[in-house]
Amino acid sequence: MKADTPDQRRLVWGVVGLGLIATILFLAWPIYGPDSGSAPERALSPLTTGASSVDLSSMTPREAADRLFNRVMVAVEQDDSTEVVQFLPMAMRAYELAEPLDLDGKFHLAVLRMEGALTQEGLVAAQDILAIDPDHLLGLAVAADALLALGDTTGAQIHYSRWLEVYSEEVARGLPEYQNHEQMLPEMEARARAQTN
């Protein structure tokens, strides 16, 4: 039935809005439902940072974003494409809502965008890191990967080479994000060496 009157249009949009809210609640329930704290936690990937089982109402936007990041990264490791497709857009949006992000948050957003084949957007997030800290290992690695995927081999090699040059000095800084993602560093190093030899 066509909604010709203002009241009919309000009713239609009200139904649409309720449908969207119901969909969001349905998708978020496995993460934030009342049983989320009592269920055994899934083993977290080395790519993830710690996430606690807390009620949605007590979570900051950044905590919610990190929780979604963890879920997506575990799904990627387990080749669970259904879960990746379901939660990846939510995770990216959560980081965008948690702005301003620290460098670790910017790295998470860059990784999520790369996982979503949003390569140019991943590069932008990596460049945001490098604008603040030009020798940041995580920023250099994601920028190099994005440039390579975009076909800019020269730009990628410059970033990979710089990664290798500053590695020891950067690790010595002991940044929290390096410690959180330390198991990624050997893979980054192997990729950098492969692309610069």
C-alpha atoms as a PDB file:
ATOM      1  CA  MET A   1       0.000   0.000   0.000  1.00  0.00           C
ATOM      2  CA  LYS A   2       1.351   3.386  -0.944  1.00  0.00           C
ATOM      3  CA  ALA A   3       1.903   5.763   2.018  1.00  0.00           C
ATOM      4  CA  ASP A   4       0.222   8.974   0.852  1.00  0.00           C
ATOM      5  CA  THR A   5      -0.446  10.755   4.118  1.00  0.00           C
ATOM      6  CA  PRO A   6       2.142  12.003   6.650  1.00  0.00           C
ATOM      7  CA  ASP A   7       0.748   9.573   9.247  1.00  0.00           C
ATOM      8  CA  GLN A   8       1.108   6.631   6.889  1.00  0.00           C
ATOM      9  CA  ARG A   9       4.664   7.651   6.001  1.00  0.00           C
ATOM     10  CA  ARG A  10       5.581   7.953   9.705  1.00  0.00           C
ATOM     11  CA  LEU A  11       4.136   4.495  10.306  1.00  0.00           C
ATOM     12  CA  VAL A  12       6.151   2.994   7.433  1.00  0.00           C
ATOM     13  CA  TRP A  13       9.414   4.588   8.600  1.00  0.00           C
ATOM     14  CA  GLY A  14       8.678   3.569  12.185  1.00  0.00           C
ATOM     15  CA  VAL A  15       8.335  -0.060  11.104  1.00  0.00           C
ATOM     16  CA  VAL A  16      11.555   0.177   9.073  1.00  0.00           C
ATOM     17  CA  GLY A  17      13.391   1.711  12.055  1.00  0.00           C
ATOM     18  CA  LEU A  18      12.177  -1.014  14.406  1.00  0.00           C
ATOM     19  CA  GLY A  19      13.318  -3.620  11.894  1.00  0.00           C
ATOM     20  CA  LEU A  20      16.825  -2.114  11.802  1.00  0.00           C
ATOM     21  CA  ILE A  21      17.038  -2.022  15.598  1.00  0.00           C
ATOM     22  CA  ALA A  22      15.894  -5.646  15.793  1.00  0.00           C
ATOM     23  CA  THR A  23      18.535  -6.666  13.236  1.00  0.00           C
ATOM     24  CA  ILE A  24      21.331  -4.906  15.150  1.00  0.00           C
ATOM     25  CA  LEU A  25      20.239  -6.510  18.426  1.00  0.00           C
ATOM     26  CA  PHE A  26      20.063  -9.914  16.760  1.00  0.00           C
ATOM     27  CA  LEU A  27      23.615  -9.568  15.398  1.00  0.00           C
ATOM     28  CA  ALA A  28      25.046  -8.189  18.625  1.00  0.00           C
ATOM     29  CA  TRP A  29      23.329 -10.661  20.971  1.00  0.00           C
ATOM     30  CA  PRO A  30      25.959 -13.450  20.605  1.00  0.00           C
ATOM     31  CA  ILE A  31      28.619 -10.967  21.738  1.00  0.00           C
ATOM     32  CA  TYR A  32      26.816  -8.904  24.325  1.00  0.00           C
ATOM     33  CA  GLY A  33      23.977 -11.145  25.486  1.00  0.00           C
ATOM     34  CA  PRO A  34      23.561 -12.029  29.181  1.00  0.00           C
ATOM     35  CA  ASP A  35      25.290 -15.389  28.722  1.00  0.00           C
ATOM     36  CA  SER A  36      28.365 -13.918  27.013  1.00  0.00           C
ATOM     37  CA  GLY A  37      30.213 -13.641  30.322  1.00  0.00           C
ATOM     38  CA  SER A  38      29.433 -17.197  31.413  1.00  0.00           C
ATOM     39  CA  ALA A  39      30.293 -18.955  28.160  1.00  0.00           C
ATOM     40  CA  PRO A  40      33.871 -20.162  27.760  1.00  0.00           C
ATOM     41  CA  GLU A  41      35.964 -17.534  26.019  1.00  0.00           C
ATOM     42  CA  ARG A  42      37.203 -18.494  22.597  1.00  0.00           C
ATOM     43  CA  ALA A  43      40.977 -18.772  22.300  1.00  0.00           C
ATOM     44  CA  LEU A  44      42.208 -15.423  21.016  1.00  0.00           C
ATOM     45  CA  SER A  45      44.406 -15.090  17.992  1.00  0.00           C
ATOM     46  CA  PRO A  46      47.953 -13.759  18.341  1.00  0.00           C
ATOM     47  CA  LEU A  47      46.685 -10.872  16.227  1.00  0.00           C
ATOM     48  CA  THR A  48      44.248  -9.770  18.893  1.00  0.00           C
ATOM     49  CA  THR A  49      44.437  -7.802  22.060  1.00  0.00           C
ATOM     50  CA  GLY A  50      42.754  -8.859  25.263  1.00  0.00           C
ATOM     51  CA  ALA A  51      39.026  -8.472  25.565  1.00  0.00           C
ATOM     52  CA  SER A  52      37.005  -8.936  28.706  1.00  0.00           C
ATOM     53  CA  SER A  53      33.481 -10.325  28.898  1.00  0.00           C
ATOM     54  CA  VAL A  54      31.586  -7.281  30.076  1.00  0.00           C
ATOM     55  CA  ASP A  55      28.080  -6.000  29.700  1.00  0.00           C
ATOM     56  CA  LEU A  56      27.485  -3.721  26.713  1.00  0.00           C
ATOM     57  CA  SER A  57      26.192  -1.007  29.007  1.00  0.00           C
ATOM     58  CA  SER A  58      29.533  -0.885  30.848  1.00  0.00           C
ATOM     59  CA  MET A  59      31.719  -0.907  27.724  1.00  0.00           C
ATOM     60  CA  THR A  60      33.288   2.173  26.220  1.00  0.00           C
ATOM     61  CA  PRO A  61      33.040   2.556  22.423  1.00  0.00           C
ATOM     62  CA  ARG A  62      36.697   1.517  22.176  1.00  0.00           C
ATOM     63  CA  GLU A  63      36.175  -1.591  24.315  1.00  0.00           C
ATOM     64  CA  ALA A  64      33.258  -2.605  22.104  1.00  0.00           C
ATOM     65  CA  ALA A  65      35.388  -2.029  18.999  1.00  0.00           C
ATOM     66  CA  ASP A  66      38.240  -4.134  20.387  1.00  0.00           C
ATOM     67  CA  ARG A  67      35.802  -6.905  21.275  1.00  0.00           C
ATOM     68  CA  LEU A  68      34.528  -6.967  17.690  1.00  0.00           C
ATOM     69  CA  PHE A  69      38.094  -6.834  16.326  1.00  0.00           C
ATOM     70  CA  ASN A  70      38.933  -9.933  18.368  1.00  0.00           C
ATOM     71  CA  ARG A  71      35.893 -11.749  17.064  1.00  0.00           C
ATOM     72  CA  VAL A  72      36.694 -10.934  13.448  1.00  0.00           C
ATOM     73  CA  MET A  73      40.359 -11.916  13.765  1.00  0.00           C
ATOM     74  CA  VAL A  74      39.494 -15.253  15.381  1.00  0.00           C
ATOM     75  CA  ALA A  75      37.023 -15.885  12.546  1.00  0.00           C
ATOM     76  CA  VAL A  76      39.708 -15.019   9.955  1.00  0.00           C
ATOM     77  CA  GLU A  77      42.130 -17.495  11.554  1.00  0.00           C
ATOM     78  CA  GLN A  78      39.464 -20.180  11.596  1.00  0.00           C
ATOM     79  CA  ASP A  79      38.446 -19.474   7.974  1.00  0.00           C
ATOM     80  CA  ASP A  80      34.931 -18.741   9.188  1.00  0.00           C
ATOM     81  CA  SER A  81      33.854 -16.527   6.306  1.00  0.00           C
ATOM     82  CA  THR A  82      30.247 -16.377   7.507  1.00  0.00           C
ATOM     83  CA  GLU A  83      31.275 -14.807  10.803  1.00  0.00           C
ATOM     84  CA  VAL A  84      33.767 -12.487   9.099  1.00  0.00           C
ATOM     85  CA  VAL A  85      31.079 -11.197   6.739  1.00  0.00           C
ATOM     86  CA  GLN A  86      28.676 -10.754   9.659  1.00  0.00           C
ATOM     87  CA  PHE A  87      30.951  -8.906  12.075  1.00  0.00           C
ATOM     88  CA  LEU A  88      33.547  -7.133   9.903  1.00  0.00           C
ATOM     89  CA  PRO A  89      31.309  -4.165   8.963  1.00  0.00           C
ATOM     90  CA  MET A  90      30.216  -3.815  12.602  1.00  0.00           C
ATOM     91  CA  ALA A  91      33.846  -3.806  13.768  1.00  0.00           C
ATOM     92  CA  MET A  92      34.913  -1.137  11.265  1.00  0.00           C
ATOM     93  CA  ARG A  93      31.959   1.048  12.185  1.00  0.00           C
ATOM     94  CA  ALA A  94      32.707   0.577  15.880  1.00  0.00           C
ATOM     95  CA  TYR A  95      36.247   1.955  15.444  1.00  0.00           C
ATOM     96  CA  GLU A  96      34.938   4.873  13.422  1.00  0.00           C
ATOM     97  CA  LEU A  97      32.539   5.653  16.290  1.00  0.00           C
ATOM     98  CA  ALA A  98      35.380   5.350  18.827  1.00  0.00           C
ATOM     99  CA  GLU A  99      37.402   8.188  17.247  1.00  0.00           C
ATOM    100  CA  PRO A 100      39.810   9.671  18.109  1.00  0.00           C
ATOM    101  CA  LEU A 101      41.860   6.472  18.058  1.00  0.00           C
ATOM    102  CA  ASP A 102      45.332   5.845  19.396  1.00  0.00           C
ATOM    103  CA  LEU A 103      47.900   4.213  17.105  1.00  0.00           C
ATOM    104  CA  ASP A 104      46.846   0.720  18.117  1.00  0.00           C
ATOM    105  CA  GLY A 105      43.229   1.525  17.297  1.00  0.00           C
ATOM    106  CA  LYS A 106      44.247   2.976  13.941  1.00  0.00           C
ATOM    107  CA  PHE A 107      46.172  -0.236  13.254  1.00  0.00           C
ATOM    108  CA  HIS A 108      43.121  -2.351  14.096  1.00  0.00           C
ATOM    109  CA  LEU A 109      40.998  -0.258  11.737  1.00  0.00           C
ATOM    110  CA  ALA A 110      43.609  -0.559   8.981  1.00  0.00           C
ATOM    111  CA  VAL A 111      43.721  -4.355   9.373  1.00  0.00           C
ATOM    112  CA  LEU A 112      39.935  -4.619   9.311  1.00  0.00           C
ATOM    113  CA  ARG A 113      39.727  -2.529   6.170  1.00  0.00           C
ATOM    114  CA  MET A 114      42.352  -4.705   4.493  1.00  0.00           C
ATOM    115  CA  GLU A 115      40.404  -7.822   5.499  1.00  0.00           C
ATOM    116  CA  GLY A 116      37.350  -6.252   3.911  1.00  0.00           C
ATOM    117  CA  ALA A 117      39.250  -5.634   0.648  1.00  0.00           C
ATOM    118  CA  LEU A 118      38.988  -1.888   1.272  1.00  0.00           C
ATOM    119  CA  THR A 119      42.630  -1.499   0.332  1.00  0.00           C
ATOM    120  CA  GLN A 120      42.676   2.240  -0.296  1.00  0.00           C
ATOM    121  CA  GLU A 121      40.903   2.871   3.011  1.00  0.00           C
ATOM    122  CA  GLY A 122      43.375   0.537   4.730  1.00  0.00           C
ATOM    123  CA  LEU A 123      46.212   2.566   3.271  1.00  0.00           C
ATOM    124  CA  VAL A 124      44.630   5.784   4.568  1.00  0.00           C
ATOM    125  CA  ALA A 125      44.423   4.341   8.104  1.00  0.00           C
ATOM    126  CA  ALA A 126      48.067   3.218   7.894  1.00  0.00           C
ATOM    127  CA  GLN A 127      49.110   6.654   6.648  1.00  0.00           C
ATOM    128  CA  ASP A 128      47.304   8.189   9.639  1.00  0.00           C
ATOM    129  CA  ILE A 129      49.642   6.160  11.861  1.00  0.00           C
ATOM    130  CA  LEU A 130      52.733   7.209   9.903  1.00  0.00           C
ATOM    131  CA  ALA A 131      51.718  10.874   9.988  1.00  0.00           C
ATOM    132  CA  ILE A 132      52.034  10.682  13.772  1.00  0.00           C
ATOM    133  CA  ASP A 133      54.928   8.211  14.013  1.00  0.00           C
ATOM    134  CA  PRO A 134      56.768   7.817  10.671  1.00  0.00           C
ATOM    135  CA  ASP A 135      58.731   4.720  11.730  1.00  0.00           C
ATOM    136  CA  HIS A 136      55.903   2.867  13.435  1.00  0.00           C
ATOM    137  CA  LEU A 137      56.329  -0.812  12.509  1.00  0.00           C
ATOM    138  CA  LEU A 138      52.622  -1.604  12.332  1.00  0.00           C
ATOM    139  CA  GLY A 139      51.888   1.445  10.200  1.00  0.00           C
ATOM    140  CA  LEU A 140      54.790   0.702   7.848  1.00  0.00           C
ATOM    141  CA  ALA A 141      53.725  -2.927   7.447  1.00  0.00           C
ATOM    142  CA  VAL A 142      50.080  -2.213   6.638  1.00  0.00           C
ATOM    143  CA  ALA A 143      50.998   0.675   4.329  1.00  0.00           C
ATOM    144  CA  ALA A 144      53.460  -1.550   2.470  1.00  0.00           C
ATOM    145  CA  ASP A 145      50.900  -4.350   2.129  1.00  0.00           C
ATOM    146  CA  ALA A 146      48.253  -1.923   0.893  1.00  0.00           C
ATOM    147  CA  LEU A 147      50.579  -0.310  -1.642  1.00  0.00           C
ATOM    148  CA  LEU A 148      51.602  -3.729  -2.931  1.00  0.00           C
ATOM    149  CA  ALA A 149      47.952  -4.743  -3.297  1.00  0.00           C
ATOM    150  CA  LEU A 150      47.276  -1.487  -5.153  1.00  0.00           C
ATOM    151  CA  GLY A 151      50.094  -2.229  -7.597  1.00  0.00           C
ATOM    152  CA  ASP A 152      52.570   0.359  -6.299  1.00  0.00           C
ATOM    153  CA  THR A 153      55.548  -1.990  -6.013  1.00  0.00           C
ATOM    154  CA  THR A 154      58.067   0.826  -5.615  1.00  0.00           C
ATOM    155  CA  GLY A 155      56.137   2.463  -2.793  1.00  0.00           C
ATOM    156  CA  ALA A 156      55.674  -0.898  -1.105  1.00  0.00           C
ATOM    157  CA  GLN A 157      59.398  -1.685  -1.283  1.00  0.00           C
ATOM    158  CA  ILE A 158      60.267   1.695   0.236  1.00  0.00           C
ATOM    159  CA  HIS A 159      58.015   0.941   3.215  1.00  0.00           C
ATOM    160  CA  TYR A 160      59.241  -2.652   3.566  1.00  0.00           C
ATOM    161  CA  SER A 161      62.869  -1.467   3.446  1.00  0.00           C
ATOM    162  CA  ARG A 162      62.194   1.161   6.071  1.00  0.00           C
ATOM    163  CA  TRP A 163      60.519  -1.469   8.258  1.00  0.00           C
ATOM    164  CA  LEU A 164      63.705  -3.562   8.173  1.00  0.00           C
ATOM    165  CA  GLU A 165      65.930  -0.543   8.823  1.00  0.00           C
ATOM    166  CA  VAL A 166      64.111   0.616  11.948  1.00  0.00           C
ATOM    167  CA  TYR A 167      63.026  -2.753  13.337  1.00  0.00           C
ATOM    168  CA  SER A 168      65.560  -3.117  16.166  1.00  0.00           C
ATOM    169  CA  GLU A 169      65.280   0.475  17.297  1.00  0.00           C
ATOM    170  CA  GLU A 170      61.492   0.380  17.194  1.00  0.00           C
ATOM    171  CA  VAL A 171      61.162  -2.876  19.128  1.00  0.00           C
ATOM    172  CA  ALA A 172      63.442  -1.424  21.789  1.00  0.00           C
ATOM    173  CA  ARG A 173      60.843   1.313  22.367  1.00  0.00           C
ATOM    174  CA  GLY A 174      58.550  -1.315  23.880  1.00  0.00           C
ATOM    175  CA  LEU A 175      55.343   0.307  22.675  1.00  0.00           C
ATOM    176  CA  PRO A 176      52.197  -1.391  24.034  1.00  0.00           C
ATOM    177  CA  GLU A 177      50.928  -2.101  20.526  1.00  0.00           C
ATOM    178  CA  TYR A 178      54.197  -3.862  19.660  1.00  0.00           C
ATOM    179  CA  GLN A 179      53.781  -6.068  22.726  1.00  0.00           C
ATOM    180  CA  ASN A 180      50.110  -6.714  21.934  1.00  0.00           C
ATOM    181  CA  HIS A 181      50.962  -7.809  18.397  1.00  0.00           C
ATOM    182  CA  GLU A 182      54.472  -9.199  18.885  1.00  0.00           C
ATOM    183  CA  GLN A 183      53.568 -12.515  17.269  1.00  0.00           C
ATOM    184  CA  MET A 184      52.796 -10.656  14.035  1.00  0.00           C
ATOM    185  CA  LEU A 185      56.282  -9.141  13.785  1.00  0.00           C
ATOM    186  CA  PRO A 186      58.092 -12.241  12.437  1.00  0.00           C
ATOM    187  CA  GLU A 187      55.499 -12.564   9.673  1.00  0.00           C
ATOM    188  CA  MET A 188      55.895  -8.875   8.846  1.00  0.00           C
ATOM    189  CA  GLU A 189      59.665  -9.281   8.736  1.00  0.00           C
ATOM    190  CA  ALA A 190      59.452 -12.314   6.443  1.00  0.00           C
ATOM    191  CA  ARG A 191      57.154 -10.421   4.068  1.00  0.00           C
ATOM    192  CA  ALA A 192      59.420  -7.360   4.086  1.00  0.00           C
ATOM    193  CA  ARG A 193      62.507  -9.451   3.310  1.00  0.00           C
ATOM    194  CA  ALA A 194      60.712 -11.347   0.543  1.00  0.00           C
ATOM    195  CA  GLN A 195      59.648  -8.086  -1.120  1.00  0.00           C
ATOM    196  CA  THR A 196      63.030  -6.372  -0.881  1.00  0.00           C
ATOM    197  CA  ASN A 197      65.334  -9.211  -1.996  1.00  0.00           C
END
